[in-house]
Each structure stands twice: as C-alpha cells, then as structure tokens.
Amino acid sequence: MAKESDFQAKLIKELKKMFPGCIVMKNDAGYIQGIPDLLILYKNKWASLECKKSAKAKKRPNQEYYVAMMNEMSFSRFICPENKEEVLHDLQRSFEP
C-alpha cells in the first residue's frame, strides 16, 4: 500500500496543474492537532484537504471537527485515492467564479 506522503506529493502536483498560480501549503499538525494537511489558495478562494492513504485509514482526533468547520467557511474534504476524482471535481466547482 502506498504511503500517505506519496499520495499527498502527487496530489499537490495535480492541484498545481489544475489551478495554475495556486499556492498549496502544508499545515503543521503539531501546531493545531487535527487541522487538515493542505491549504489551497486560488485567486480569491481557498480550500483545505485532509489526505488519507485509503478510505479505511483512521481519522485522528479533531480531524472531522476541523474538516466540517472549514467546509462551513469555504471548502474542506477528506481525500484519498478512492474518492480523489470526486473531491477534485467538487473543488473545481467551488473554485469557479
């Protein structure tokens, strides 16, 4: 099974290709426990993604809380290889003007 870090690295490249000029930042889980892994800044919008190596991977404490809270503010999802296409499609729609 691939590691989460490998999935995340490929995902970042894909995001930068999909959204030219975007900034993808990795968040520090040691700073705020449960904060999503990635913050994507694109034009006047933003989104956050919590990467998982698979749909069955365990969620850590507070992750569901922060994903739900940030989704209320803008766009936030758990993303894994199994749901990647669907999440990226939803993200693209949320970034449309």
C-alpha atoms as a PDB file:
ATOM      1  CA  MET A   1       0.000   0.000   0.000  1.00  0.00           C
ATOM      2  CA  ALA A   2       1.269   3.469  -0.881  1.00  0.00           C
ATOM      3  CA  LYS A   3       2.131   5.873   1.890  1.00  0.00           C
ATOM      4  CA  GLU A   4       0.037   8.945   2.634  1.00  0.00           C
ATOM      5  CA  SER A   5       3.070  11.164   1.929  1.00  0.00           C
ATOM      6  CA  ASP A   6       3.397   9.722  -1.607  1.00  0.00           C
ATOM      7  CA  PHE A   7      -0.305  10.302  -2.276  1.00  0.00           C
ATOM      8  CA  GLN A   8      -0.018  13.837  -0.898  1.00  0.00           C
ATOM      9  CA  ALA A   9       3.025  14.699  -3.055  1.00  0.00           C
ATOM     10  CA  LYS A  10       1.244  13.544  -6.243  1.00  0.00           C
ATOM     11  CA  LEU A  11      -1.918  15.369  -5.207  1.00  0.00           C
ATOM     12  CA  ILE A  12      -0.028  18.659  -4.736  1.00  0.00           C
ATOM     13  CA  LYS A  13       1.401  18.375  -8.270  1.00  0.00           C
ATOM     14  CA  GLU A  14      -2.061  17.652  -9.631  1.00  0.00           C
ATOM     15  CA  LEU A  15      -3.589  20.628  -7.778  1.00  0.00           C
ATOM     16  CA  LYS A  16      -0.918  22.978  -9.152  1.00  0.00           C
ATOM     17  CA  LYS A  17      -1.659  21.737 -12.682  1.00  0.00           C
ATOM     18  CA  MET A  18      -5.456  22.048 -12.246  1.00  0.00           C
ATOM     19  CA  PHE A  19      -5.319  25.506 -10.687  1.00  0.00           C
ATOM     20  CA  PRO A  20      -2.458  27.469 -12.316  1.00  0.00           C
ATOM     21  CA  GLY A  21      -0.972  30.034  -9.947  1.00  0.00           C
ATOM     22  CA  CYS A  22      -2.466  28.465  -6.835  1.00  0.00           C
ATOM     23  CA  ILE A  23      -0.490  28.239  -3.597  1.00  0.00           C
ATOM     24  CA  VAL A  24      -0.577  24.883  -1.808  1.00  0.00           C
ATOM     25  CA  MET A  25       0.620  24.998   1.785  1.00  0.00           C
ATOM     26  CA  LYS A  26       1.211  22.096   4.147  1.00  0.00           C
ATOM     27  CA  ASN A  27      -0.208  22.688   7.599  1.00  0.00           C
ATOM     28  CA  ASP A  28       1.624  21.689  10.777  1.00  0.00           C
ATOM     29  CA  ALA A  29      -0.453  19.127  12.686  1.00  0.00           C
ATOM     30  CA  GLY A  30       1.802  19.778  15.676  1.00  0.00           C
ATOM     31  CA  TYR A  31       0.595  23.378  15.801  1.00  0.00           C
ATOM     32  CA  ILE A  32      -3.163  22.664  15.671  1.00  0.00           C
ATOM     33  CA  GLN A  33      -4.000  18.992  16.252  1.00  0.00           C
ATOM     34  CA  GLY A  34      -6.448  17.794  13.587  1.00  0.00           C
ATOM     35  CA  ILE A  35      -6.071  20.707  11.154  1.00  0.00           C
ATOM     36  CA  PRO A  36      -6.301  19.482   7.515  1.00  0.00           C
ATOM     37  CA  ASP A  37      -2.991  18.654   5.779  1.00  0.00           C
ATOM     38  CA  LEU A  38      -3.244  21.087   2.873  1.00  0.00           C
ATOM     39  CA  LEU A  39      -4.459  24.640   2.380  1.00  0.00           C
ATOM     40  CA  ILE A  40      -5.047  25.669  -1.245  1.00  0.00           C
ATOM     41  CA  LEU A  41      -5.185  29.382  -2.078  1.00  0.00           C
ATOM     42  CA  TYR A  42      -6.548  30.135  -5.526  1.00  0.00           C
ATOM     43  CA  LYS A  43      -7.469  33.583  -6.817  1.00  0.00           C
ATOM     44  CA  ASN A  44      -9.882  34.907  -4.184  1.00  0.00           C
ATOM     45  CA  LYS A  45     -10.854  31.485  -2.786  1.00  0.00           C
ATOM     46  CA  TRP A  46      -9.403  28.818  -0.535  1.00  0.00           C
ATOM     47  CA  ALA A  47      -9.928  25.192   0.388  1.00  0.00           C
ATOM     48  CA  SER A  48      -8.413  22.633   2.727  1.00  0.00           C
ATOM     49  CA  LEU A  49      -7.854  18.916   2.208  1.00  0.00           C
ATOM     50  CA  GLU A  50      -7.084  16.172   4.710  1.00  0.00           C
ATOM     51  CA  CYS A  51      -5.136  13.432   2.911  1.00  0.00           C
ATOM     52  CA  LYS A  52      -5.616   9.771   3.767  1.00  0.00           C
ATOM     53  CA  LYS A  53      -3.767   6.847   2.201  1.00  0.00           C
ATOM     54  CA  SER A  54      -7.059   4.936   1.843  1.00  0.00           C
ATOM     55  CA  ALA A  55     -10.778   5.238   2.540  1.00  0.00           C
ATOM     56  CA  LYS A  56     -10.279   2.892   5.523  1.00  0.00           C
ATOM     57  CA  ALA A  57      -7.463   4.927   7.115  1.00  0.00           C
ATOM     58  CA  LYS A  58      -8.189   6.030  10.675  1.00  0.00           C
ATOM     59  CA  LYS A  59      -9.117   9.626  11.324  1.00  0.00           C
ATOM     60  CA  ARG A  60      -7.175  11.329  14.088  1.00  0.00           C
ATOM     61  CA  PRO A  61      -8.773  13.307  16.933  1.00  0.00           C
ATOM     62  CA  ASN A  62     -10.278  16.655  15.822  1.00  0.00           C
ATOM     63  CA  GLN A  63      -9.908  15.968  12.073  1.00  0.00           C
ATOM     64  CA  GLU A  64     -13.651  15.563  11.491  1.00  0.00           C
ATOM     65  CA  TYR A  65     -14.259  18.731  13.536  1.00  0.00           C
ATOM     66  CA  TYR A  66     -11.834  20.894  11.527  1.00  0.00           C
ATOM     67  CA  VAL A  67     -12.872  19.494   8.135  1.00  0.00           C
ATOM     68  CA  ALA A  68     -16.532  20.223   8.975  1.00  0.00           C
ATOM     69  CA  MET A  69     -15.742  23.703  10.367  1.00  0.00           C
ATOM     70  CA  MET A  70     -13.575  24.696   7.393  1.00  0.00           C
ATOM     71  CA  ASN A  71     -16.162  23.304   4.971  1.00  0.00           C
ATOM     72  CA  GLU A  72     -18.716  25.677   6.528  1.00  0.00           C
ATOM     73  CA  MET A  73     -16.276  28.578   5.919  1.00  0.00           C
ATOM     74  CA  SER A  74     -15.291  27.604   2.374  1.00  0.00           C
ATOM     75  CA  PHE A  75     -14.452  24.065   1.136  1.00  0.00           C
ATOM     76  CA  SER A  76     -12.880  21.172   3.023  1.00  0.00           C
ATOM     77  CA  ARG A  77     -12.829  17.410   2.463  1.00  0.00           C
ATOM     78  CA  PHE A  78     -11.090  14.193   3.372  1.00  0.00           C
ATOM     79  CA  ILE A  79      -9.338  12.981   0.212  1.00  0.00           C
ATOM     80  CA  CYS A  80      -7.935   9.520  -0.568  1.00  0.00           C
ATOM     81  CA  PRO A  81      -7.186   7.588  -3.769  1.00  0.00           C
ATOM     82  CA  GLU A  82     -10.715   6.105  -3.753  1.00  0.00           C
ATOM     83  CA  ASN A  83     -12.542   9.474  -3.746  1.00  0.00           C
ATOM     84  CA  LYS A  84      -9.886  11.718  -5.325  1.00  0.00           C
ATOM     85  CA  GLU A  85     -11.663  12.297  -8.658  1.00  0.00           C
ATOM     86  CA  GLU A  86     -14.957  13.176  -6.972  1.00  0.00           C
ATOM     87  CA  VAL A  87     -13.308  15.555  -4.458  1.00  0.00           C
ATOM     88  CA  LEU A  88     -11.257  17.303  -7.155  1.00  0.00           C
ATOM     89  CA  HIS A  89     -14.388  17.697  -9.267  1.00  0.00           C
ATOM     90  CA  ASP A  90     -16.219  19.285  -6.299  1.00  0.00           C
ATOM     91  CA  LEU A  91     -13.201  21.500  -5.587  1.00  0.00           C
ATOM     92  CA  GLN A  92     -13.105  22.674  -9.207  1.00  0.00           C
ATOM     93  CA  ARG A  93     -16.787  23.621  -8.978  1.00  0.00           C
ATOM     94  CA  SER A  94     -16.224  25.503  -5.723  1.00  0.00           C
ATOM     95  CA  PHE A  95     -13.320  27.467  -7.287  1.00  0.00           C
ATOM     96  CA  GLU A  96     -15.362  28.534 -10.328  1.00  0.00           C
ATOM     97  CA  PRO A  97     -16.253  32.245 -10.357  1.00  0.00           C
END
